[in-house]
C-alpha atoms as a PDB file:
ATOM      1  CA  UNK A   1     160.488 -16.298  42.642  1.00  0.00           C
ATOM      2  CA  UNK A   2     162.159 -14.925  39.280  1.00  0.00           C
ATOM      3  CA  UNK A   3     160.744 -16.003  35.923  1.00  0.00           C
ATOM      4  CA  UNK A   4     161.152 -19.784  34.645  1.00  0.00           C
ATOM      5  CA  UNK A   5     161.177 -20.290  31.361  1.00  0.00           C
ATOM      6  CA  UNK A   6     161.227 -23.929  30.275  1.00  0.00           C
ATOM      7  CA  UNK A   7     161.965 -25.360  26.710  1.00  0.00           C
ATOM      8  CA  UNK A   8     160.928 -28.945  25.780  1.00  0.00           C
ATOM      9  CA  UNK A   9     158.768 -31.144  23.728  1.00  0.00           C
ATOM     10  CA  UNK A  10     155.258 -32.153  25.029  1.00  0.00           C
ATOM     11  CA  UNK A  11     152.915 -34.588  23.101  1.00  0.00           C
ATOM     12  CA  UNK A  12     152.517 -35.452  20.217  1.00  0.00           C
ATOM     13  CA  UNK A  13     154.926 -37.421  19.842  1.00  0.00           C
ATOM     14  CA  UNK A  14     153.996 -39.524  22.895  1.00  0.00           C
ATOM     15  CA  UNK A  15     156.914 -40.560  24.788  1.00  0.00           C
ATOM     16  CA  UNK A  16     158.877 -40.636  28.224  1.00  0.00           C
ATOM     17  CA  UNK A  17     160.130 -37.123  27.850  1.00  0.00           C
ATOM     18  CA  UNK A  18     157.185 -35.208  26.465  1.00  0.00           C
ATOM     19  CA  UNK A  19     154.734 -36.794  29.203  1.00  0.00           C
ATOM     20  CA  UNK A  20     157.415 -35.825  31.889  1.00  0.00           C
ATOM     21  CA  UNK A  21     157.258 -32.124  30.117  1.00  0.00           C
ATOM     22  CA  UNK A  22     153.438 -31.978  30.051  1.00  0.00           C
ATOM     23  CA  UNK A  23     152.746 -33.153  33.426  1.00  0.00           C
ATOM     24  CA  UNK A  24     155.254 -30.898  34.876  1.00  0.00           C
ATOM     25  CA  UNK A  25     153.817 -27.731  32.897  1.00  0.00           C
ATOM     26  CA  UNK A  26     150.357 -28.489  33.995  1.00  0.00           C
ATOM     27  CA  UNK A  27     151.801 -29.058  37.456  1.00  0.00           C
ATOM     28  CA  UNK A  28     153.657 -25.791  37.602  1.00  0.00           C
ATOM     29  CA  UNK A  29     150.655 -24.025  36.103  1.00  0.00           C
ATOM     30  CA  UNK A  30     148.400 -24.696  39.325  1.00  0.00           C
ATOM     31  CA  UNK A  31     150.734 -22.904  41.170  1.00  0.00           C
ATOM     32  CA  UNK A  32     151.514 -19.005  41.437  1.00  0.00           C
ATOM     33  CA  UNK A  33     154.897 -19.252  39.907  1.00  0.00           C
ATOM     34  CA  UNK A  34     155.792 -16.914  37.062  1.00  0.00           C
ATOM     35  CA  UNK A  35     156.924 -19.303  34.130  1.00  0.00           C
ATOM     36  CA  UNK A  36     156.528 -19.499  30.418  1.00  0.00           C
ATOM     37  CA  UNK A  37     156.854 -22.703  28.588  1.00  0.00           C
ATOM     38  CA  UNK A  38     158.287 -23.091  25.036  1.00  0.00           C
ATOM     39  CA  UNK A  39     157.620 -26.016  22.865  1.00  0.00           C
ATOM     40  CA  UNK A  40     160.364 -26.990  20.765  1.00  0.00           C
ATOM     41  CA  UNK A  41     158.240 -29.373  18.437  1.00  0.00           C
ATOM     42  CA  UNK A  42     157.434 -26.414  16.498  1.00  0.00           C
ATOM     43  CA  UNK A  43     155.206 -28.083  13.793  1.00  0.00           C
ATOM     44  CA  UNK A  44     152.670 -29.462  16.250  1.00  0.00           C
ATOM     45  CA  UNK A  45     149.679 -27.152  17.232  1.00  0.00           C
ATOM     46  CA  UNK A  46     148.262 -26.594  20.429  1.00  0.00           C
ATOM     47  CA  UNK A  47     148.077 -23.718  23.323  1.00  0.00           C
ATOM     48  CA  UNK A  48     151.942 -23.244  24.202  1.00  0.00           C
ATOM     49  CA  UNK A  49     154.055 -20.920  22.703  1.00  0.00           C
ATOM     50  CA  UNK A  50     156.018 -22.635  19.553  1.00  0.00           C
ATOM     51  CA  UNK A  51     159.691 -21.433  18.905  1.00  0.00           C
ATOM     52  CA  UNK A  52     162.967 -22.657  17.583  1.00  0.00           C
ATOM     53  CA  UNK A  53     165.970 -23.064  20.069  1.00  0.00           C
ATOM     54  CA  UNK A  54     167.809 -19.851  18.465  1.00  0.00           C
ATOM     55  CA  UNK A  55     164.815 -17.757  18.585  1.00  0.00           C
ATOM     56  CA  UNK A  56     164.138 -18.521  21.893  1.00  0.00           C
ATOM     57  CA  UNK A  57     167.596 -17.831  23.108  1.00  0.00           C
ATOM     58  CA  UNK A  58     167.228 -14.401  21.181  1.00  0.00           C
ATOM     59  CA  UNK A  59     164.293 -13.611  23.056  1.00  0.00           C
ATOM     60  CA  UNK A  60     166.127 -13.677  26.532  1.00  0.00           C
ATOM     61  CA  UNK A  61     169.109 -11.432  25.109  1.00  0.00           C
ATOM     62  CA  UNK A  62     168.422  -8.989  28.081  1.00  0.00           C
ATOM     63  CA  UNK A  63     169.200  -8.372  31.689  1.00  0.00           C
ATOM     64  CA  UNK A  64     166.100  -9.789  33.364  1.00  0.00           C
ATOM     65  CA  UNK A  65     167.152 -12.617  35.817  1.00  0.00           C
ATOM     66  CA  UNK A  66     165.536 -15.880  35.284  1.00  0.00           C
ATOM     67  CA  UNK A  67     165.606 -19.681  35.236  1.00  0.00           C
ATOM     68  CA  UNK A  68     166.274 -21.436  32.099  1.00  0.00           C
ATOM     69  CA  UNK A  69     165.472 -25.107  32.476  1.00  0.00           C
ATOM     70  CA  UNK A  70     166.090 -27.053  29.508  1.00  0.00           C
ATOM     71  CA  UNK A  71     165.448 -30.893  28.413  1.00  0.00           C
ATOM     72  CA  UNK A  72     168.319 -33.048  26.804  1.00  0.00           C
ATOM     73  CA  UNK A  73     171.817 -33.102  26.057  1.00  0.00           C
ATOM     74  CA  UNK A  74     172.832 -29.940  24.288  1.00  0.00           C
ATOM     75  CA  UNK A  75     175.082 -29.629  21.383  1.00  0.00           C
ATOM     76  CA  UNK A  76     178.387 -27.657  21.441  1.00  0.00           C
ATOM     77  CA  UNK A  77     176.453 -24.885  19.362  1.00  0.00           C
ATOM     78  CA  UNK A  78     173.933 -24.669  21.714  1.00  0.00           C
ATOM     79  CA  UNK A  79     176.526 -24.747  24.723  1.00  0.00           C
ATOM     80  CA  UNK A  80     178.101 -21.711  23.325  1.00  0.00           C
ATOM     81  CA  UNK A  81     175.004 -19.588  22.927  1.00  0.00           C
ATOM     82  CA  UNK A  82     173.789 -20.775  26.382  1.00  0.00           C
ATOM     83  CA  UNK A  83     177.217 -19.693  27.878  1.00  0.00           C
ATOM     84  CA  UNK A  84     176.967 -16.351  26.618  1.00  0.00           C
ATOM     85  CA  UNK A  85     173.250 -15.769  28.128  1.00  0.00           C
ATOM     86  CA  UNK A  86     174.703 -17.212  31.512  1.00  0.00           C
ATOM     87  CA  UNK A  87     177.671 -15.227  31.664  1.00  0.00           C
ATOM     88  CA  UNK A  88     176.711 -12.028  30.106  1.00  0.00           C
ATOM     89  CA  UNK A  89     172.946 -11.814  30.715  1.00  0.00           C
ATOM     90  CA  UNK A  90     172.876 -13.451  34.180  1.00  0.00           C
ATOM     91  CA  UNK A  91     170.544 -16.444  33.188  1.00  0.00           C
ATOM     92  CA  UNK A  92     170.768 -19.587  35.380  1.00  0.00           C
ATOM     93  CA  UNK A  93     170.637 -22.785  33.495  1.00  0.00           C
ATOM     94  CA  UNK A  94     169.178 -25.978  34.312  1.00  0.00           C
ATOM     95  CA  UNK A  95     169.326 -29.009  32.461  1.00  0.00           C
ATOM     96  CA  UNK A  96     167.554 -32.149  32.759  1.00  0.00           C
ATOM     97  CA  UNK A  97     169.144 -35.474  31.217  1.00  0.00           C
ATOM     98  CA  UNK A  98     166.765 -38.086  30.565  1.00  0.00           C
ATOM     99  CA  UNK A  99     168.313 -40.945  29.483  1.00  0.00           C
ATOM    100  CA  UNK A 100     171.738 -42.825  30.088  1.00  0.00           C
ATOM    101  CA  UNK A 101     173.678 -41.738  26.746  1.00  0.00           C
ATOM    102  CA  UNK A 102     175.286 -38.834  27.934  1.00  0.00           C
ATOM    103  CA  UNK A 103     178.662 -40.435  27.568  1.00  0.00           C
ATOM    104  CA  UNK A 104     177.671 -41.871  24.194  1.00  0.00           C
ATOM    105  CA  UNK A 105     176.869 -38.669  22.990  1.00  0.00           C
ATOM    106  CA  UNK A 106     179.926 -36.749  24.068  1.00  0.00           C
ATOM    107  CA  UNK A 107     181.944 -39.328  22.693  1.00  0.00           C
ATOM    108  CA  UNK A 108     180.696 -38.394  19.316  1.00  0.00           C
ATOM    109  CA  UNK A 109     181.914 -34.762  19.401  1.00  0.00           C
ATOM    110  CA  UNK A 110     185.402 -33.470  18.161  1.00  0.00           C
ATOM    111  CA  UNK A 111     188.051 -32.285  20.398  1.00  0.00           C
ATOM    112  CA  UNK A 112     186.730 -28.812  20.094  1.00  0.00           C
ATOM    113  CA  UNK A 113     183.073 -29.625  20.850  1.00  0.00           C
ATOM    114  CA  UNK A 114     184.197 -31.472  23.667  1.00  0.00           C
ATOM    115  CA  UNK A 115     185.921 -28.552  25.465  1.00  0.00           C
ATOM    116  CA  UNK A 116     183.063 -26.342  24.591  1.00  0.00           C
ATOM    117  CA  UNK A 117     180.657 -28.865  26.395  1.00  0.00           C
ATOM    118  CA  UNK A 118     182.737 -29.223  29.334  1.00  0.00           C
ATOM    119  CA  UNK A 119     183.023 -25.703  29.928  1.00  0.00           C
ATOM    120  CA  UNK A 120     179.349 -25.295  29.582  1.00  0.00           C
ATOM    121  CA  UNK A 121     178.126 -28.125  31.746  1.00  0.00           C
ATOM    122  CA  UNK A 122     180.730 -27.221  34.710  1.00  0.00           C
ATOM    123  CA  UNK A 123     179.021 -23.496  34.277  1.00  0.00           C
ATOM    124  CA  UNK A 124     175.135 -24.511  34.465  1.00  0.00           C
ATOM    125  CA  UNK A 125     173.749 -24.297  37.956  1.00  0.00           C
ATOM    126  CA  UNK A 126     172.085 -27.499  38.237  1.00  0.00           C
ATOM    127  CA  UNK A 127     171.741 -30.844  36.171  1.00  0.00           C
ATOM    128  CA  UNK A 128     168.791 -33.038  36.863  1.00  0.00           C
ATOM    129  CA  UNK A 129     169.364 -36.689  36.336  1.00  0.00           C
ATOM    130  CA  UNK A 130     166.419 -39.061  36.162  1.00  0.00           C
ATOM    131  CA  UNK A 131     168.794 -41.926  37.210  1.00  0.00           C
ATOM    132  CA  UNK A 132     171.413 -42.244  40.040  1.00  0.00           C
ATOM    133  CA  UNK A 133     173.408 -44.725  37.962  1.00  0.00           C
ATOM    134  CA  UNK A 134     174.283 -42.163  34.916  1.00  0.00           C
ATOM    135  CA  UNK A 135     177.808 -41.443  34.575  1.00  0.00           C
ATOM    136  CA  UNK A 136     178.016 -37.774  33.784  1.00  0.00           C
ATOM    137  CA  UNK A 137     181.958 -37.812  33.539  1.00  0.00           C
ATOM    138  CA  UNK A 138     183.617 -34.485  33.923  1.00  0.00           C
ATOM    139  CA  UNK A 139     180.399 -32.748  35.708  1.00  0.00           C
ATOM    140  CA  UNK A 140     180.950 -31.503  39.575  1.00  0.00           C
ATOM    141  CA  UNK A 141     178.880 -34.008  41.525  1.00  0.00           C
ATOM    142  CA  UNK A 142     177.450 -30.930  43.663  1.00  0.00           C
ATOM    143  CA  UNK A 143     175.526 -29.774  40.408  1.00  0.00           C
ATOM    144  CA  UNK A 144     173.820 -32.860  39.960  1.00  0.00           C
ATOM    145  CA  UNK A 145     170.320 -33.466  41.578  1.00  0.00           C
ATOM    146  CA  UNK A 146     168.877 -36.924  40.911  1.00  0.00           C
ATOM    147  CA  UNK A 147     165.023 -36.560  40.371  1.00  0.00           C
ATOM    148  CA  UNK A 148     163.140 -39.829  38.945  1.00  0.00           C
ATOM    149  CA  UNK A 149     160.989 -38.503  35.990  1.00  0.00           C
ATOM    150  CA  UNK A 150     157.750 -39.954  37.137  1.00  0.00           C
ATOM    151  CA  UNK A 151     154.870 -37.744  37.926  1.00  0.00           C
ATOM    152  CA  UNK A 152     151.408 -39.245  38.515  1.00  0.00           C
ATOM    153  CA  UNK A 153     148.914 -39.351  35.602  1.00  0.00           C
ATOM    154  CA  UNK A 154     145.763 -37.564  35.976  1.00  0.00           C
ATOM    155  CA  UNK A 155     142.522 -39.772  36.402  1.00  0.00           C
ATOM    156  CA  UNK A 156     141.642 -38.925  32.724  1.00  0.00           C
ATOM    157  CA  UNK A 157     144.889 -40.437  31.619  1.00  0.00           C
ATOM    158  CA  UNK A 158     144.167 -43.710  33.313  1.00  0.00           C
ATOM    159  CA  UNK A 159     140.547 -43.819  32.448  1.00  0.00           C
ATOM    160  CA  UNK A 160     139.987 -47.227  30.478  1.00  0.00           C
ATOM    161  CA  UNK A 161     136.467 -46.101  29.230  1.00  0.00           C
ATOM    162  CA  UNK A 162     138.005 -43.385  27.078  1.00  0.00           C
ATOM    163  CA  UNK A 163     139.906 -45.828  24.925  1.00  0.00           C
ATOM    164  CA  UNK A 164     138.959 -46.062  21.413  1.00  0.00           C
ATOM    165  CA  UNK A 165     136.810 -49.241  20.974  1.00  0.00           C
ATOM    166  CA  UNK A 166     139.659 -51.526  19.366  1.00  0.00           C
ATOM    167  CA  UNK A 167     141.192 -51.692  22.838  1.00  0.00           C
ATOM    168  CA  UNK A 168     138.131 -53.030  24.189  1.00  0.00           C
ATOM    169  CA  UNK A 169     137.621 -55.551  21.436  1.00  0.00           C
ATOM    170  CA  UNK A 170     141.383 -56.714  21.798  1.00  0.00           C
ATOM    171  CA  UNK A 171     140.844 -56.989  25.689  1.00  0.00           C
ATOM    172  CA  UNK A 172     137.884 -59.212  25.395  1.00  0.00           C
ATOM    173  CA  UNK A 173     139.635 -61.398  22.797  1.00  0.00           C
ATOM    174  CA  UNK A 174     142.587 -62.365  25.461  1.00  0.00           C
ATOM    175  CA  UNK A 175     142.571 -63.796  28.838  1.00  0.00           C
ATOM    176  CA  UNK A 176     146.227 -62.444  29.249  1.00  0.00           C
ATOM    177  CA  UNK A 177     147.217 -59.266  27.801  1.00  0.00           C
ATOM    178  CA  UNK A 178     150.546 -57.594  27.583  1.00  0.00           C
ATOM    179  CA  UNK A 179     151.613 -54.314  26.352  1.00  0.00           C
ATOM    180  CA  UNK A 180     154.575 -52.104  25.502  1.00  0.00           C
ATOM    181  CA  UNK A 181     155.050 -48.964  23.875  1.00  0.00           C
ATOM    182  CA  UNK A 182     157.408 -46.790  21.964  1.00  0.00           C
ATOM    183  CA  UNK A 183     157.487 -43.172  20.799  1.00  0.00           C
ATOM    184  CA  UNK A 184     158.870 -43.838  17.729  1.00  0.00           C
ATOM    185  CA  UNK A 185     161.066 -46.549  16.116  1.00  0.00           C
ATOM    186  CA  UNK A 186     164.669 -45.979  16.924  1.00  0.00           C
ATOM    187  CA  UNK A 187     167.828 -47.932  16.804  1.00  0.00           C
ATOM    188  CA  UNK A 188     170.710 -47.717  19.445  1.00  0.00           C
ATOM    189  CA  UNK A 189     174.076 -49.862  18.748  1.00  0.00           C
ATOM    190  CA  UNK A 190     172.292 -51.029  15.429  1.00  0.00           C
ATOM    191  CA  UNK A 191     169.573 -52.911  17.502  1.00  0.00           C
ATOM    192  CA  UNK A 192     165.857 -51.968  18.127  1.00  0.00           C
ATOM    193  CA  UNK A 193     165.936 -49.723  20.939  1.00  0.00           C
ATOM    194  CA  UNK A 194     162.248 -50.201  21.805  1.00  0.00           C
ATOM    195  CA  UNK A 195     162.408 -53.869  21.470  1.00  0.00           C
ATOM    196  CA  UNK A 196     159.694 -54.320  19.312  1.00  0.00           C
ATOM    197  CA  UNK A 197     161.375 -57.370  17.847  1.00  0.00           C
ATOM    198  CA  UNK A 198     161.763 -58.999  21.086  1.00  0.00           C
ATOM    199  CA  UNK A 199     158.063 -58.359  22.015  1.00  0.00           C
ATOM    200  CA  UNK A 200     157.308 -60.364  19.040  1.00  0.00           C
ATOM    201  CA  UNK A 201     159.741 -63.213  19.711  1.00  0.00           C
ATOM    202  CA  UNK A 202     157.823 -62.986  23.411  1.00  0.00           C
ATOM    203  CA  UNK A 203     154.255 -63.488  22.554  1.00  0.00           C
ATOM    204  CA  UNK A 204     155.408 -66.338  19.840  1.00  0.00           C
ATOM    205  CA  UNK A 205     156.937 -68.546  22.412  1.00  0.00           C
ATOM    206  CA  UNK A 206     154.219 -67.788  25.171  1.00  0.00           C
ATOM    207  CA  UNK A 207     151.602 -69.015  22.246  1.00  0.00           C
ATOM    208  CA  UNK A 208     153.636 -72.028  21.299  1.00  0.00           C
ATOM    209  CA  UNK A 209     153.715 -72.912  24.915  1.00  0.00           C
ATOM    210  CA  UNK A 210     151.354 -72.598  27.698  1.00  0.00           C
ATOM    211  CA  UNK A 211     149.443 -69.369  26.791  1.00  0.00           C
ATOM    212  CA  UNK A 212     147.478 -69.909  23.905  1.00  0.00           C
ATOM    213  CA  UNK A 213     145.096 -67.059  24.721  1.00  0.00           C
ATOM    214  CA  UNK A 214     147.715 -64.111  25.302  1.00  0.00           C
ATOM    215  CA  UNK A 215     147.714 -60.946  23.605  1.00  0.00           C
ATOM    216  CA  UNK A 216     150.071 -58.233  23.044  1.00  0.00           C
ATOM    217  CA  UNK A 217     149.386 -54.719  22.307  1.00  0.00           C
ATOM    218  CA  UNK A 218     152.104 -52.450  21.107  1.00  0.00           C
ATOM    219  CA  UNK A 219     151.456 -48.771  20.971  1.00  0.00           C
ATOM    220  CA  UNK A 220     153.810 -46.750  18.631  1.00  0.00           C
ATOM    221  CA  UNK A 221     151.962 -43.446  17.555  1.00  0.00           C
ATOM    222  CA  UNK A 222     155.222 -42.244  15.432  1.00  0.00           C
ATOM    223  CA  UNK A 223     156.232 -45.137  13.252  1.00  0.00           C
ATOM    224  CA  UNK A 224     159.227 -43.194  11.614  1.00  0.00           C
ATOM    225  CA  UNK A 225     161.207 -46.052  10.156  1.00  0.00           C
ATOM    226  CA  UNK A 226     158.489 -47.596   7.913  1.00  0.00           C
ATOM    227  CA  UNK A 227     160.848 -50.016   6.198  1.00  0.00           C
ATOM    228  CA  UNK A 228     161.459 -51.482   9.781  1.00  0.00           C
ATOM    229  CA  UNK A 229     157.787 -51.384  10.823  1.00  0.00           C
ATOM    230  CA  UNK A 230     156.922 -53.270   7.790  1.00  0.00           C
ATOM    231  CA  UNK A 231     159.541 -55.908   8.492  1.00  0.00           C
ATOM    232  CA  UNK A 232     158.036 -56.386  11.864  1.00  0.00           C
ATOM    233  CA  UNK A 233     154.647 -56.673  10.519  1.00  0.00           C
ATOM    234  CA  UNK A 234     155.828 -59.429   8.020  1.00  0.00           C
ATOM    235  CA  UNK A 235     157.237 -61.396  11.023  1.00  0.00           C
ATOM    236  CA  UNK A 236     153.794 -61.251  12.776  1.00  0.00           C
ATOM    237  CA  UNK A 237     152.396 -62.691   9.383  1.00  0.00           C
ATOM    238  CA  UNK A 238     155.239 -65.321   9.288  1.00  0.00           C
ATOM    239  CA  UNK A 239     154.648 -66.496  12.817  1.00  0.00           C
ATOM    240  CA  UNK A 240     151.091 -66.406  12.511  1.00  0.00           C
ATOM    241  CA  UNK A 241     150.303 -63.927  15.072  1.00  0.00           C
ATOM    242  CA  UNK A 242     148.043 -61.500  13.323  1.00  0.00           C
ATOM    243  CA  UNK A 243     145.286 -62.620  16.104  1.00  0.00           C
ATOM    244  CA  UNK A 244     147.814 -62.142  19.012  1.00  0.00           C
ATOM    245  CA  UNK A 245     150.008 -59.201  18.222  1.00  0.00           C
ATOM    246  CA  UNK A 246     148.268 -55.953  17.388  1.00  0.00           C
ATOM    247  CA  UNK A 247     149.847 -52.801  16.613  1.00  0.00           C
ATOM    248  CA  UNK A 248     148.246 -49.315  17.680  1.00  0.00           C
ATOM    249  CA  UNK A 249     149.844 -46.328  15.678  1.00  0.00           C
ATOM    250  CA  UNK A 250     147.848 -43.534  16.829  1.00  0.00           C
ATOM    251  CA  UNK A 251     148.136 -41.226  19.699  1.00  0.00           C
ATOM    252  CA  UNK A 252     146.639 -42.597  22.811  1.00  0.00           C
ATOM    253  CA  UNK A 253     146.569 -41.920  26.699  1.00  0.00           C
ATOM    254  CA  UNK A 254     149.123 -44.769  27.038  1.00  0.00           C
ATOM    255  CA  UNK A 255     148.394 -44.991  30.976  1.00  0.00           C
ATOM    256  CA  UNK A 256     144.944 -45.971  30.364  1.00  0.00           C
ATOM    257  CA  UNK A 257     146.292 -48.993  28.069  1.00  0.00           C
ATOM    258  CA  UNK A 258     148.627 -50.109  30.701  1.00  0.00           C
ATOM    259  CA  UNK A 259     145.497 -50.073  33.222  1.00  0.00           C
ATOM    260  CA  UNK A 260     143.610 -52.185  30.723  1.00  0.00           C
ATOM    261  CA  UNK A 261     146.141 -54.710  30.400  1.00  0.00           C
ATOM    262  CA  UNK A 262     147.662 -57.314  32.570  1.00  0.00           C
ATOM    263  CA  UNK A 263     151.423 -57.076  32.269  1.00  0.00           C
ATOM    264  CA  UNK A 264     153.872 -54.125  31.150  1.00  0.00           C
ATOM    265  CA  UNK A 265     156.923 -54.772  29.590  1.00  0.00           C
ATOM    266  CA  UNK A 266     159.973 -52.123  28.573  1.00  0.00           C
ATOM    267  CA  UNK A 267     162.416 -54.156  26.688  1.00  0.00           C
ATOM    268  CA  UNK A 268     164.712 -51.146  25.799  1.00  0.00           C
ATOM    269  CA  UNK A 269     168.517 -51.510  25.166  1.00  0.00           C
ATOM    270  CA  UNK A 270     168.831 -48.343  26.458  1.00  0.00           C
ATOM    271  CA  UNK A 271     167.164 -46.306  28.905  1.00  0.00           C
ATOM    272  CA  UNK A 272     167.302 -43.192  31.611  1.00  0.00           C
ATOM    273  CA  UNK A 273     164.465 -44.607  34.063  1.00  0.00           C
ATOM    274  CA  UNK A 274     161.400 -45.619  32.426  1.00  0.00           C
ATOM    275  CA  UNK A 275     158.273 -43.392  33.335  1.00  0.00           C
ATOM    276  CA  UNK A 276     156.010 -46.083  31.972  1.00  0.00           C
ATOM    277  CA  UNK A 277     157.275 -48.638  34.529  1.00  0.00           C
ATOM    278  CA  UNK A 278     156.389 -46.574  37.373  1.00  0.00           C
ATOM    279  CA  UNK A 279     153.161 -45.822  35.898  1.00  0.00           C
ATOM    280  CA  UNK A 280     152.334 -49.437  35.327  1.00  0.00           C
ATOM    281  CA  UNK A 281     153.379 -50.073  38.935  1.00  0.00           C
ATOM    282  CA  UNK A 282     151.097 -47.122  40.367  1.00  0.00           C
ATOM    283  CA  UNK A 283     148.287 -48.671  38.675  1.00  0.00           C
ATOM    284  CA  UNK A 284     149.228 -52.174  40.392  1.00  0.00           C
ATOM    285  CA  UNK A 285     149.862 -53.921  37.288  1.00  0.00           C
ATOM    286  CA  UNK A 286     153.500 -56.086  37.275  1.00  0.00           C
ATOM    287  CA  UNK A 287     156.049 -54.752  34.855  1.00  0.00           C
ATOM    288  CA  UNK A 288     159.121 -56.128  33.567  1.00  0.00           C
ATOM    289  CA  UNK A 289     162.022 -54.334  32.269  1.00  0.00           C
ATOM    290  CA  UNK A 290     165.384 -54.661  30.931  1.00  0.00           C
ATOM    291  CA  UNK A 291     168.523 -54.282  33.275  1.00  0.00           C
ATOM    292  CA  UNK A 292     169.927 -51.476  31.644  1.00  0.00           C
ATOM    293  CA  UNK A 293     169.858 -48.938  34.241  1.00  0.00           C
ATOM    294  CA  UNK A 294     168.243 -48.486  37.722  1.00  0.00           C
ATOM    295  CA  UNK A 295     164.572 -49.206  37.276  1.00  0.00           C
ATOM    296  CA  UNK A 296     161.503 -47.983  39.833  1.00  0.00           C
ATOM    297  CA  UNK A 297     161.062 -50.108  42.815  1.00  0.00           C
ATOM    298  CA  UNK A 298     159.053 -53.289  42.101  1.00  0.00           C
ATOM    299  CA  UNK A 299     160.318 -53.731  38.586  1.00  0.00           C
ATOM    300  CA  UNK A 300     161.016 -57.231  37.437  1.00  0.00           C
ATOM    301  CA  UNK A 301     164.285 -57.196  35.542  1.00  0.00           C
ATOM    302  CA  UNK A 302     165.587 -59.215  32.815  1.00  0.00           C
ATOM    303  CA  UNK A 303     168.587 -59.354  30.862  1.00  0.00           C
ATOM    304  CA  UNK A 304     168.822 -56.780  28.081  1.00  0.00           C
ATOM    305  CA  UNK A 305     168.206 -58.381  24.611  1.00  0.00           C
ATOM    306  CA  UNK A 306     167.981 -61.766  26.110  1.00  0.00           C
ATOM    307  CA  UNK A 307     164.692 -63.441  24.999  1.00  0.00           C
ATOM    308  CA  UNK A 308     165.381 -66.437  26.790  1.00  0.00           C
ATOM    309  CA  UNK A 309     165.645 -64.578  29.999  1.00  0.00           C
ATOM    310  CA  UNK A 310     162.643 -62.275  29.134  1.00  0.00           C
ATOM    311  CA  UNK A 311     160.429 -65.226  28.473  1.00  0.00           C
ATOM    312  CA  UNK A 312     161.349 -67.105  31.840  1.00  0.00           C
ATOM    313  CA  UNK A 313     160.432 -63.652  33.866  1.00  0.00           C
ATOM    314  CA  UNK A 314     157.140 -63.229  31.642  1.00  0.00           C
ATOM    315  CA  UNK A 315     156.452 -66.983  32.598  1.00  0.00           C
ATOM    316  CA  UNK A 316     157.074 -66.422  36.217  1.00  0.00           C
ATOM    317  CA  UNK A 317     154.582 -63.090  36.548  1.00  0.00           C
ATOM    318  CA  UNK A 318     151.817 -65.340  34.336  1.00  0.00           C
ATOM    319  CA  UNK A 319     152.310 -68.318  36.511  1.00  0.00           C
ATOM    320  CA  UNK A 320     152.636 -66.469  39.890  1.00  0.00           C
ATOM    321  CA  UNK A 321     150.289 -63.423  39.002  1.00  0.00           C
ATOM    322  CA  UNK A 322     148.536 -62.774  42.110  1.00  0.00           C
ATOM    323  CA  UNK A 323     151.988 -62.868  43.832  1.00  0.00           C
ATOM    324  CA  UNK A 324     153.555 -60.549  41.761  1.00  0.00           C
ATOM    325  CA  UNK A 325     150.459 -58.081  42.305  1.00  0.00           C
ATOM    326  CA  UNK A 326     150.950 -58.501  45.826  1.00  0.00           C
ATOM    327  CA  UNK A 327     154.772 -57.481  45.604  1.00  0.00           C
ATOM    328  CA  UNK A 328     153.822 -54.188  44.269  1.00  0.00           C
ATOM    329  CA  UNK A 329     150.435 -53.684  46.186  1.00  0.00           C
ATOM    330  CA  UNK A 330     152.129 -51.202  48.694  1.00  0.00           C
ATOM    331  CA  UNK A 331     154.569 -49.364  46.399  1.00  0.00           C
ATOM    332  CA  UNK A 332     153.985 -45.621  46.227  1.00  0.00           C
ATOM    333  CA  UNK A 333     155.808 -43.253  43.920  1.00  0.00           C
ATOM    334  CA  UNK A 334     156.738 -39.547  44.867  1.00  0.00           C
ATOM    335  CA  UNK A 335     155.265 -37.067  42.919  1.00  0.00           C
ATOM    336  CA  UNK A 336     158.525 -35.432  41.562  1.00  0.00           C
ATOM    337  CA  UNK A 337     157.114 -32.334  40.138  1.00  0.00           C
ATOM    338  CA  UNK A 338     157.373 -30.745  43.670  1.00  0.00           C
ATOM    339  CA  UNK A 339     161.506 -31.600  43.951  1.00  0.00           C
ATOM    340  CA  UNK A 340     161.812 -29.721  40.682  1.00  0.00           C
ATOM    341  CA  UNK A 341     160.351 -26.484  42.195  1.00  0.00           C
ATOM    342  CA  UNK A 342     162.660 -27.255  45.039  1.00  0.00           C
ATOM    343  CA  UNK A 343     165.709 -26.937  42.542  1.00  0.00           C
ATOM    344  CA  UNK A 344     164.414 -23.744  41.065  1.00  0.00           C
ATOM    345  CA  UNK A 345     164.568 -22.165  44.655  1.00  0.00           C
ATOM    346  CA  UNK A 346     167.856 -23.587  45.067  1.00  0.00           C
ATOM    347  CA  UNK A 347     169.442 -22.280  41.995  1.00  0.00           C
ATOM    348  CA  UNK A 348     167.512 -18.675  42.797  1.00  0.00           C
ATOM    349  CA  UNK A 349     168.895 -18.754  46.474  1.00  0.00           C
ATOM    350  CA  UNK A 350     172.691 -19.288  45.203  1.00  0.00           C
ATOM    351  CA  UNK A 351     174.758 -16.309  45.049  1.00  0.00           C
END
């Protein structure tokens, strides 16, 4: 197989995309495939090459045949540069889109930028979509392959015993423990994208009603919007939830956190798939998620941004916990790393 050049983000920050890329790079590293991985998050230090996107492209102004695999929607400027590499230097480009905001991102471009992006995306070799429900507008369907982002965590990632002591202390305090996470505070349509506010409202209702000893761990390793974070902490204080709602703001192996808890929720108002949902269900933990996109098999869905519906579904899981665990007992998820390699082979075999 020709050389594969992969350009993307790996932890930190800890998020669905970076975790996916990290696990795929570790998977492909165990094969005999000739590849180089370039980190896009150049301010973080680890063993992988760190490089800016433009320098990455300049390194590949040559006539060596290779696949360039990128993660995320590409700007008009990037599209221009990639088109030149593809047309003049015989590079085969693959793009993975990890969310359902393709149309939204495209709509923000001006007319010239839209034309460039349309030309580029119809000249790439393959687009990998993590969700079959995402609408890619103008892209030829023959160029789209749907591969969910889930790649199984390693045993080390799910090991509860490797979690910091604070997690064990929180676990011992609560009979029923819920968790959610975000890689960073973000907003979409002027709303809390990852639903921190909904999570706080949920635990408030649970405590006020039948679940006096419930707890919630919200993991957010990169706060980002400190003003909003302080607002959420004040809300916790005002609701008298400081003994029930716990923020953890350091990097941590999140599958282990899921493994320690009883219920995982993903209250996002936009999404592509939700790798952590599949992680939860593969660990045999019930998972509740918003209905903003197609979710992994076994997910309990609630209406996006609807706290009443989220509370209703959470109470159903809590009151019928063993039934919900039984419903996901036999669900298994495919290791999608091998399917990505199949896309590589398909692209390389095309004339």
